[in-house]
């Protein structure tokens, strides 16, 4: 295990990503060193092995759903705790190198391409769509002179690379936002606020009502389920694990009792942590 660098936070880079925007807003430079990573799983692994103190990763988008690499890495590969959730508004812009560019290819990360599907179909129905590693990589491709290319990225990226904005806020829904989570090797310390608790479990689903009887424990302990999602268990085809987000913290007795009951009824159970939720209106 490597030596931990004090007060170092990792994010999905390079400079100009939405993840960097979140990092800059919540981590002050006089207190934290920021470190970019090329992939989400690399960022998570760096936290788990002690290279950095904690990291910021996206976990769900309001238009396109969950970020599967985040869920799968947390479930199957690393033992980390979610210590904070940040709900961040996402504004996507169409960028070119010059004002008179002819666009026949549009590049971006797969998520923004999907978030802007209707706009692209209406205004650029014949353009080729190409997914790349990040929105900033897309901007770099266009900035380096790729012929007839445009990129979808945020405002910060347009400023860093001196890009021309062809169209602003092209996401298909005005309230497009992404849930980012901060991950750490240690659980969060309870303070006043709105808290959630996340778990992932596998149940024995060979009898009718198996999931119902599991969720009944939440009802009987007055715990509100705010999200549930299944993912392949990576064992046998047709076997699944369930990610669940509940209101409340493990610091509260009724939540703690409910989680114990869920664990007892599960074949496999993993507590992903209790965390405070922050909403940003930027």
Protein backbone atom coordinates (compact mmCIF):
# COMPACT_ATOMS: atom_id res chain seq x y z
CA UNK A 1 0.00 0.00 0.00
CA UNK A 2 1.34 3.40 -0.94
CA UNK A 3 1.65 6.30 1.46
CA UNK A 4 -1.38 8.56 1.56
CA UNK A 5 -0.86 12.12 0.38
CA UNK A 6 -2.62 14.31 2.92
CA UNK A 7 -5.62 16.22 1.58
CA UNK A 8 -5.48 14.98 -1.99
CA UNK A 9 -8.68 14.60 -3.99
CA UNK A 10 -8.99 12.77 -7.29
CA UNK A 11 -11.42 13.48 -10.12
CA UNK A 12 -12.11 12.40 -13.68
CA UNK A 13 -9.92 14.64 -15.79
CA UNK A 14 -8.29 16.27 -17.53
CA UNK A 15 -8.98 19.97 -16.89
CA UNK A 16 -12.35 21.15 -18.15
CA UNK A 17 -14.57 18.21 -17.20
CA UNK A 18 -17.75 18.49 -15.14
CA UNK A 19 -15.91 16.51 -12.47
CA UNK A 20 -13.25 19.24 -12.27
CA UNK A 21 -16.02 21.86 -11.94
CA UNK A 22 -17.38 20.00 -8.91
CA UNK A 23 -13.90 19.55 -7.47
CA UNK A 24 -13.08 23.26 -7.81
CA UNK A 25 -16.34 24.24 -6.11
CA UNK A 26 -16.02 21.96 -3.08
CA UNK A 27 -12.25 21.67 -2.55
CA UNK A 28 -10.26 24.83 -1.91
CA UNK A 29 -6.73 24.95 -3.31
CA UNK A 30 -5.19 26.15 -0.05
CA UNK A 31 -6.48 23.01 1.69
CA UNK A 32 -6.47 20.33 -1.00
CA UNK A 33 -4.29 19.07 -3.82
CA UNK A 34 -6.37 17.94 -6.80
CA UNK A 35 -5.28 15.04 -9.00
CA UNK A 36 -6.93 14.13 -12.31
CA UNK A 37 -7.34 10.56 -13.60
CA UNK A 38 -8.16 9.38 -17.09
CA UNK A 39 -10.89 6.94 -16.04
CA UNK A 40 -13.45 6.60 -13.25
CA UNK A 41 -12.20 3.21 -12.10
CA UNK A 42 -8.61 4.48 -11.92
CA UNK A 43 -9.79 7.33 -9.71
CA UNK A 44 -11.63 4.91 -7.41
CA UNK A 45 -8.69 2.50 -7.21
CA UNK A 46 -6.31 5.35 -6.33
CA UNK A 47 -8.51 6.12 -3.33
CA UNK A 48 -8.75 2.49 -2.28
CA UNK A 49 -4.99 1.88 -2.39
CA UNK A 50 -4.12 5.09 -0.53
CA UNK A 51 -2.64 7.16 -3.35
CA UNK A 52 -5.17 9.92 -2.60
CA UNK A 53 -7.37 10.82 0.35
CA UNK A 54 -10.74 10.74 -1.45
CA UNK A 55 -12.24 11.11 -4.89
CA UNK A 56 -15.21 12.57 -6.76
CA UNK A 57 -16.95 10.34 -9.31
CA UNK A 58 -20.28 10.53 -11.16
CA UNK A 59 -22.81 7.87 -10.21
CA UNK A 60 -26.09 8.83 -11.94
CA UNK A 61 -27.42 11.25 -14.54
CA UNK A 62 -31.03 12.44 -14.50
CA UNK A 63 -31.47 11.75 -18.24
CA UNK A 64 -29.31 8.70 -18.90
CA UNK A 65 -29.38 6.87 -15.58
CA UNK A 66 -26.62 5.21 -13.64
CA UNK A 67 -22.91 5.30 -14.39
CA UNK A 68 -22.34 1.55 -14.46
CA UNK A 69 -18.57 1.61 -14.06
CA UNK A 70 -18.99 3.45 -10.74
CA UNK A 71 -21.60 1.00 -9.44
CA UNK A 72 -19.72 -2.10 -10.55
CA UNK A 73 -16.37 -0.96 -9.16
CA UNK A 74 -17.92 -0.14 -5.78
CA UNK A 75 -19.81 -3.43 -5.66
CA UNK A 76 -17.23 -5.90 -6.90
CA UNK A 77 -13.74 -4.42 -6.71
CA UNK A 78 -13.10 -1.88 -3.95
CA UNK A 79 -14.22 -1.32 -0.36
CA UNK A 80 -14.95 2.37 -0.02
CA UNK A 81 -17.59 4.52 1.64
CA UNK A 82 -19.72 7.22 0.06
CA UNK A 83 -19.29 10.22 2.36
CA UNK A 84 -21.12 12.94 0.41
CA UNK A 85 -23.49 13.29 -2.55
CA UNK A 86 -23.44 16.38 -4.76
CA UNK A 87 -26.27 17.07 -7.21
CA UNK A 88 -24.71 19.13 -10.00
CA UNK A 89 -26.56 20.82 -12.92
CA UNK A 90 -25.15 19.82 -16.31
CA UNK A 91 -24.96 22.36 -19.13
CA UNK A 92 -23.77 21.03 -22.48
CA UNK A 93 -22.55 23.28 -25.30
CA UNK A 94 -21.66 22.60 -28.93
CA UNK A 95 -18.14 23.85 -29.64
CA UNK A 96 -16.08 24.36 -32.79
CA UNK A 97 -12.60 25.73 -33.47
CA UNK A 98 -13.86 28.58 -35.67
CA UNK A 99 -17.15 30.39 -36.24
CA UNK A 100 -17.50 29.24 -39.86
CA UNK A 101 -16.86 25.54 -39.30
CA UNK A 102 -18.96 23.06 -41.28
CA UNK A 103 -20.00 20.24 -38.95
CA UNK A 104 -20.23 16.66 -40.14
CA UNK A 105 -18.81 14.87 -37.07
CA UNK A 106 -19.69 15.51 -33.40
CA UNK A 107 -17.51 14.05 -30.65
CA UNK A 108 -17.97 13.83 -26.90
CA UNK A 109 -18.21 11.39 -24.02
CA UNK A 110 -21.04 8.88 -24.49
CA UNK A 111 -23.14 10.47 -21.74
CA UNK A 112 -23.36 14.01 -23.24
CA UNK A 113 -24.03 12.53 -26.68
CA UNK A 114 -26.99 10.69 -25.22
CA UNK A 115 -28.13 13.69 -23.15
CA UNK A 116 -28.31 15.81 -26.33
CA UNK A 117 -29.85 13.15 -28.58
CA UNK A 118 -32.95 15.11 -29.62
CA UNK A 119 -31.04 18.33 -30.33
CA UNK A 120 -28.52 16.48 -32.49
CA UNK A 121 -31.21 14.59 -34.39
CA UNK A 122 -33.05 17.84 -35.14
CA UNK A 123 -30.16 20.13 -36.03
CA UNK A 124 -27.47 17.69 -37.24
CA UNK A 125 -29.36 14.60 -38.48
CA UNK A 126 -26.58 13.56 -40.88
CA UNK A 127 -23.62 14.17 -38.57
CA UNK A 128 -21.54 11.23 -37.41
CA UNK A 129 -21.46 10.85 -33.62
CA UNK A 130 -18.23 9.63 -32.03
CA UNK A 131 -17.81 8.72 -28.36
CA UNK A 132 -14.42 9.38 -26.73
CA UNK A 133 -12.96 9.00 -23.23
CA UNK A 134 -14.05 12.42 -21.93
CA UNK A 135 -15.61 15.71 -23.02
CA UNK A 136 -12.21 17.36 -22.77
CA UNK A 137 -10.65 14.75 -25.06
CA UNK A 138 -13.39 15.67 -27.55
CA UNK A 139 -12.49 19.36 -27.27
CA UNK A 140 -8.81 18.55 -27.75
CA UNK A 141 -9.60 16.67 -30.96
CA UNK A 142 -11.50 19.65 -32.35
CA UNK A 143 -8.97 22.22 -31.09
CA UNK A 144 -6.14 20.29 -32.76
CA UNK A 145 -7.77 20.80 -36.15
CA UNK A 146 -9.94 17.75 -36.86
CA UNK A 147 -11.72 18.75 -40.07
CA UNK A 148 -15.48 19.49 -39.85
CA UNK A 149 -15.60 18.34 -36.23
CA UNK A 150 -17.51 19.79 -33.27
CA UNK A 151 -17.40 18.81 -29.59
CA UNK A 152 -19.96 18.72 -26.80
CA UNK A 153 -18.53 19.96 -23.50
CA UNK A 154 -19.05 22.46 -20.69
CA UNK A 155 -18.31 26.17 -20.55
CA UNK A 156 -15.04 25.71 -18.68
CA UNK A 157 -13.62 23.55 -21.46
CA UNK A 158 -14.60 26.15 -24.07
CA UNK A 159 -12.64 28.81 -22.17
CA UNK A 160 -9.55 26.65 -21.57
CA UNK A 161 -9.24 25.74 -25.25
CA UNK A 162 -10.55 29.03 -26.67
CA UNK A 163 -13.40 27.39 -28.56
CA UNK A 164 -16.31 28.94 -30.43
CA UNK A 165 -19.75 28.22 -28.94
CA UNK A 166 -22.15 27.21 -31.72
CA UNK A 167 -25.08 26.45 -29.41
CA UNK A 168 -25.56 26.65 -25.64
CA UNK A 169 -27.53 24.41 -23.27
CA UNK A 170 -28.25 21.78 -25.89
CA UNK A 171 -29.20 19.04 -23.40
CA UNK A 172 -32.66 17.61 -24.06
CA UNK A 173 -34.03 18.56 -20.66
CA UNK A 174 -33.47 21.92 -18.90
CA UNK A 175 -33.08 20.24 -15.52
CA UNK A 176 -30.33 17.87 -16.57
CA UNK A 177 -28.15 17.07 -13.56
CA UNK A 178 -25.65 14.48 -12.40
CA UNK A 179 -25.20 12.92 -8.97
CA UNK A 180 -21.57 12.92 -7.96
CA UNK A 181 -20.37 11.02 -4.90
CA UNK A 182 -17.28 11.56 -2.80
CA UNK A 183 -15.58 8.29 -1.82
CA UNK A 184 -13.27 7.65 1.11
CA UNK A 185 -11.72 4.73 2.96
CA UNK A 186 -13.40 5.98 6.17
CA UNK A 187 -17.15 6.51 6.73
CA UNK A 188 -18.61 9.99 7.13
CA UNK A 189 -19.05 11.64 10.52
CA UNK A 190 -22.66 12.55 11.21
CA UNK A 191 -23.72 16.22 11.13
CA UNK A 192 -27.14 17.82 10.75
CA UNK A 193 -28.61 17.66 7.23
CA UNK A 194 -30.37 15.44 4.74
CA UNK A 195 -28.74 12.02 4.74
CA UNK A 196 -28.98 8.89 2.66
CA UNK A 197 -27.63 5.38 3.12
CA UNK A 198 -26.65 3.12 0.21
CA UNK A 199 -26.24 -0.64 0.17
CA UNK A 200 -25.82 -3.39 -2.41
CA UNK A 201 -27.05 -6.92 -1.83
CA UNK A 202 -27.82 -10.23 -3.46
CA UNK A 203 -30.97 -12.14 -2.56
CA UNK A 204 -32.14 -15.69 -3.02
CA UNK A 205 -34.69 -15.20 -5.75
CA UNK A 206 -35.94 -18.76 -6.25
CA UNK A 207 -39.30 -18.11 -4.55
CA UNK A 208 -42.10 -15.65 -5.43
CA UNK A 209 -41.94 -12.46 -3.40
CA UNK A 210 -38.27 -12.67 -2.39
CA UNK A 211 -37.63 -8.99 -3.15
CA UNK A 212 -40.97 -8.00 -1.64
CA UNK A 213 -40.16 -9.62 1.70
CA UNK A 214 -36.76 -7.90 1.71
CA UNK A 215 -38.26 -4.46 1.07
CA UNK A 216 -40.96 -5.12 3.66
CA UNK A 217 -38.26 -4.69 6.30
CA UNK A 218 -37.88 -1.05 5.23
CA UNK A 219 -41.61 -0.46 5.59
CA UNK A 220 -41.76 -2.06 9.03
CA UNK A 221 -38.86 0.11 10.23
CA UNK A 222 -40.19 3.32 8.62
CA UNK A 223 -37.26 3.74 6.22
CA UNK A 224 -38.02 5.37 2.86
CA UNK A 225 -36.50 3.72 -0.22
CA UNK A 226 -35.58 6.44 -2.77
CA UNK A 227 -33.82 4.33 -5.40
CA UNK A 228 -33.42 0.68 -6.36
CA UNK A 229 -31.56 -0.75 -9.34
CA UNK A 230 -30.42 -4.21 -10.38
CA UNK A 231 -27.10 -5.06 -12.00
CA UNK A 232 -25.68 -8.43 -13.15
CA UNK A 233 -24.14 -10.34 -10.25
CA UNK A 234 -21.19 -11.46 -12.43
CA UNK A 235 -21.82 -15.05 -11.41
CA UNK A 236 -24.41 -16.80 -13.58
CA UNK A 237 -26.66 -15.41 -16.28
CA UNK A 238 -29.94 -14.36 -14.66
CA UNK A 239 -28.48 -13.62 -11.22
CA UNK A 240 -28.56 -10.00 -10.05
CA UNK A 241 -27.50 -7.74 -7.24
CA UNK A 242 -29.59 -4.79 -6.04
CA UNK A 243 -28.37 -1.28 -5.31
CA UNK A 244 -30.61 0.58 -2.86
CA UNK A 245 -30.58 4.17 -1.58
CA UNK A 246 -32.57 4.94 1.56
CA UNK A 247 -33.31 8.16 3.41
CA UNK A 248 -31.55 8.50 6.74
CA UNK A 249 -28.20 7.65 8.31
CA UNK A 250 -26.80 4.61 10.09
CA UNK A 251 -26.43 6.97 13.03
CA UNK A 252 -30.23 6.73 13.41
CA UNK A 253 -31.42 3.60 15.30
CA UNK A 254 -34.34 2.76 12.96
CA UNK A 255 -32.09 2.90 9.89
CA UNK A 256 -29.43 0.80 11.59
CA UNK A 257 -32.02 -1.81 12.61
CA UNK A 258 -33.48 -1.92 9.09
CA UNK A 259 -30.04 -2.42 7.54
CA UNK A 260 -29.36 -5.28 9.93
CA UNK A 261 -32.63 -6.92 8.88
CA UNK A 262 -31.75 -6.52 5.19
CA UNK A 263 -28.35 -8.06 5.79
CA UNK A 264 -29.89 -11.06 7.55
CA UNK A 265 -32.18 -11.72 4.58
CA UNK A 266 -29.46 -11.32 1.95
CA UNK A 267 -27.08 -13.90 0.53
CA UNK A 268 -24.49 -11.14 0.21
CA UNK A 269 -24.60 -7.60 1.60
CA UNK A 270 -22.33 -4.56 1.34
CA UNK A 271 -22.81 -1.24 3.11
CA UNK A 272 -21.69 1.62 0.84
CA UNK A 273 -22.07 4.20 3.58
CA UNK A 274 -24.27 6.97 4.97
CA UNK A 275 -23.72 10.44 3.54
CA UNK A 276 -25.06 13.97 3.45
CA UNK A 277 -26.63 15.30 0.24
CA UNK A 278 -25.66 18.70 -1.21
CA UNK A 279 -27.45 20.40 -4.09
CA UNK A 280 -25.73 23.02 -6.25
CA UNK A 281 -27.63 25.58 -8.31
CA UNK A 282 -24.67 26.81 -10.39
